């Protein structure tokens, strides 16, 4: 599953990165971004865990 991180909403807490590092990384602006597809359950878990709902399924 592909994820998308809304850069205007992301607060850079890093929760998604710590839970699914193969899918998310921090960019130069200190915000998370999706860099790869990942397992559906892992991406959905990151979507549900995001404290500001910045991640969506793409």
N, C-alpha and C. Protein backbone atom coordinates (compact mmCIF):
# COMPACT_ATOMS: atom_id res chain seq x y z
N UNK A 1 0.85 -1.18 0.00
CA UNK A 1 0.00 0.00 0.00
C UNK A 1 0.89 1.24 0.00
N UNK A 2 0.48 2.22 -0.74
CA UNK A 2 1.20 3.49 -0.82
C UNK A 2 0.53 4.48 0.13
N UNK A 3 1.34 5.22 0.85
CA UNK A 3 0.83 6.24 1.78
C UNK A 3 1.25 7.61 1.28
N UNK A 4 0.53 8.62 1.72
CA UNK A 4 0.86 10.01 1.42
C UNK A 4 0.81 10.78 2.72
N UNK A 5 1.81 11.63 2.95
CA UNK A 5 1.85 12.47 4.15
C UNK A 5 1.59 13.91 3.74
N UNK A 6 0.56 14.51 4.30
CA UNK A 6 0.24 15.92 4.04
C UNK A 6 1.28 16.77 4.77
N UNK A 7 2.11 17.44 4.01
CA UNK A 7 3.20 18.22 4.57
C UNK A 7 2.73 19.43 5.37
N UNK A 8 1.56 19.95 5.05
CA UNK A 8 1.03 21.09 5.80
C UNK A 8 0.49 20.68 7.16
N UNK A 9 0.11 19.42 7.30
CA UNK A 9 -0.47 18.92 8.55
C UNK A 9 0.56 18.23 9.43
N UNK A 10 1.54 17.58 8.85
CA UNK A 10 2.54 16.82 9.60
C UNK A 10 3.27 17.72 10.60
N UNK A 11 3.45 17.21 11.82
CA UNK A 11 4.18 17.95 12.85
C UNK A 11 5.56 17.36 13.11
N UNK A 12 5.92 16.34 12.36
CA UNK A 12 7.25 15.75 12.47
C UNK A 12 7.50 14.98 13.75
N UNK A 13 6.47 14.38 14.31
CA UNK A 13 6.63 13.66 15.59
C UNK A 13 7.44 12.38 15.43
N UNK A 14 7.46 11.79 14.23
CA UNK A 14 8.26 10.61 13.96
C UNK A 14 7.62 9.28 14.32
N UNK A 15 6.39 9.29 14.76
CA UNK A 15 5.71 8.05 15.13
C UNK A 15 5.62 7.08 13.95
N UNK A 16 5.28 7.58 12.79
CA UNK A 16 5.18 6.72 11.61
C UNK A 16 6.54 6.13 11.23
N UNK A 17 7.56 6.93 11.37
CA UNK A 17 8.91 6.48 11.03
C UNK A 17 9.37 5.39 11.98
N UNK A 18 9.08 5.55 13.24
CA UNK A 18 9.50 4.53 14.21
C UNK A 18 8.70 3.25 14.07
N UNK A 19 7.46 3.36 13.59
CA UNK A 19 6.64 2.15 13.46
C UNK A 19 6.82 1.45 12.11
N UNK A 20 7.09 2.19 11.05
CA UNK A 20 7.25 1.59 9.72
C UNK A 20 8.43 2.28 8.99
N UNK A 21 9.65 2.06 9.44
CA UNK A 21 10.80 2.77 8.86
C UNK A 21 11.07 2.43 7.39
N UNK A 22 10.57 1.30 6.92
CA UNK A 22 10.77 0.96 5.52
C UNK A 22 9.85 1.75 4.59
N UNK A 23 8.86 2.44 5.15
CA UNK A 23 7.91 3.22 4.35
C UNK A 23 8.09 4.72 4.54
N UNK A 24 8.43 5.16 5.75
CA UNK A 24 8.50 6.59 6.04
C UNK A 24 9.90 7.02 6.43
N UNK A 25 10.25 8.27 6.09
CA UNK A 25 11.49 8.87 6.57
C UNK A 25 11.26 10.36 6.76
N UNK A 26 12.15 10.99 7.50
CA UNK A 26 12.07 12.43 7.74
C UNK A 26 12.72 13.15 6.56
N UNK A 27 12.09 14.21 6.07
CA UNK A 27 12.67 14.96 4.96
C UNK A 27 13.48 16.15 5.50
N UNK A 28 14.01 16.94 4.62
CA UNK A 28 14.87 18.07 4.99
C UNK A 28 14.12 19.13 5.80
N UNK A 29 12.80 19.15 5.70
CA UNK A 29 12.00 20.12 6.45
C UNK A 29 11.60 19.60 7.82
N UNK A 30 12.06 18.39 8.18
CA UNK A 30 11.72 17.83 9.48
C UNK A 30 10.33 17.24 9.54
N UNK A 31 9.80 16.89 8.39
CA UNK A 31 8.47 16.28 8.31
C UNK A 31 8.60 14.90 7.69
N UNK A 32 7.65 14.03 8.02
CA UNK A 32 7.66 12.68 7.49
C UNK A 32 7.22 12.68 6.03
N UNK A 33 7.74 11.71 5.29
CA UNK A 33 7.27 11.49 3.93
C UNK A 33 7.34 10.00 3.63
N UNK A 34 6.44 9.56 2.77
CA UNK A 34 6.42 8.16 2.37
C UNK A 34 7.43 7.97 1.25
N UNK A 35 8.29 6.96 1.41
CA UNK A 35 9.35 6.73 0.42
C UNK A 35 9.17 5.43 -0.34
N UNK A 36 8.23 4.60 0.12
CA UNK A 36 8.02 3.30 -0.52
C UNK A 36 6.64 2.76 -0.17
N UNK A 37 6.21 1.78 -0.93
CA UNK A 37 4.99 1.05 -0.56
C UNK A 37 5.32 0.17 0.63
N UNK A 38 4.30 -0.19 1.38
CA UNK A 38 4.51 -1.06 2.52
C UNK A 38 3.36 -2.01 2.72
N UNK A 39 3.51 -2.92 3.66
CA UNK A 39 2.42 -3.87 3.95
C UNK A 39 1.16 -3.11 4.38
N UNK A 40 0.01 -3.54 3.86
CA UNK A 40 -1.25 -2.86 4.15
C UNK A 40 -1.48 -2.65 5.64
N UNK A 41 -1.27 -3.68 6.44
CA UNK A 41 -1.55 -3.56 7.86
C UNK A 41 -0.62 -2.57 8.55
N UNK A 42 0.64 -2.50 8.13
CA UNK A 42 1.59 -1.57 8.74
C UNK A 42 1.24 -0.12 8.38
N UNK A 43 0.91 0.11 7.12
CA UNK A 43 0.56 1.46 6.68
C UNK A 43 -0.75 1.91 7.34
N UNK A 44 -1.73 1.03 7.41
CA UNK A 44 -2.99 1.38 8.07
C UNK A 44 -2.77 1.69 9.54
N UNK A 45 -1.86 0.97 10.18
CA UNK A 45 -1.53 1.22 11.57
C UNK A 45 -0.92 2.62 11.73
N UNK A 46 -0.03 2.99 10.82
CA UNK A 46 0.58 4.32 10.86
C UNK A 46 -0.47 5.41 10.62
N UNK A 47 -1.39 5.16 9.71
CA UNK A 47 -2.47 6.11 9.45
C UNK A 47 -3.30 6.32 10.71
N UNK A 48 -3.66 5.24 11.37
CA UNK A 48 -4.47 5.31 12.59
C UNK A 48 -3.73 5.96 13.74
N UNK A 49 -2.41 5.77 13.80
CA UNK A 49 -1.62 6.27 14.93
C UNK A 49 -1.22 7.74 14.80
N UNK A 50 -1.25 8.29 13.61
CA UNK A 50 -0.81 9.67 13.41
C UNK A 50 -1.65 10.62 14.27
N UNK A 51 -1.00 11.38 15.16
CA UNK A 51 -1.75 12.23 16.09
C UNK A 51 -2.47 13.42 15.42
N UNK A 52 -2.07 13.76 14.20
CA UNK A 52 -2.72 14.89 13.53
C UNK A 52 -3.39 14.48 12.22
N UNK A 53 -3.53 13.16 12.01
CA UNK A 53 -4.19 12.62 10.81
C UNK A 53 -3.59 13.16 9.50
N UNK A 54 -2.25 13.20 9.45
CA UNK A 54 -1.56 13.72 8.27
C UNK A 54 -1.32 12.65 7.21
N UNK A 55 -1.54 11.39 7.55
CA UNK A 55 -1.24 10.30 6.60
C UNK A 55 -2.55 9.75 6.04
N UNK A 56 -2.52 9.51 4.74
CA UNK A 56 -3.68 8.90 4.09
C UNK A 56 -3.18 7.84 3.12
N UNK A 57 -4.08 6.96 2.77
CA UNK A 57 -3.79 5.96 1.74
C UNK A 57 -3.77 6.65 0.41
N UNK A 58 -2.80 6.33 -0.41
CA UNK A 58 -2.68 6.99 -1.71
C UNK A 58 -3.10 6.06 -2.82
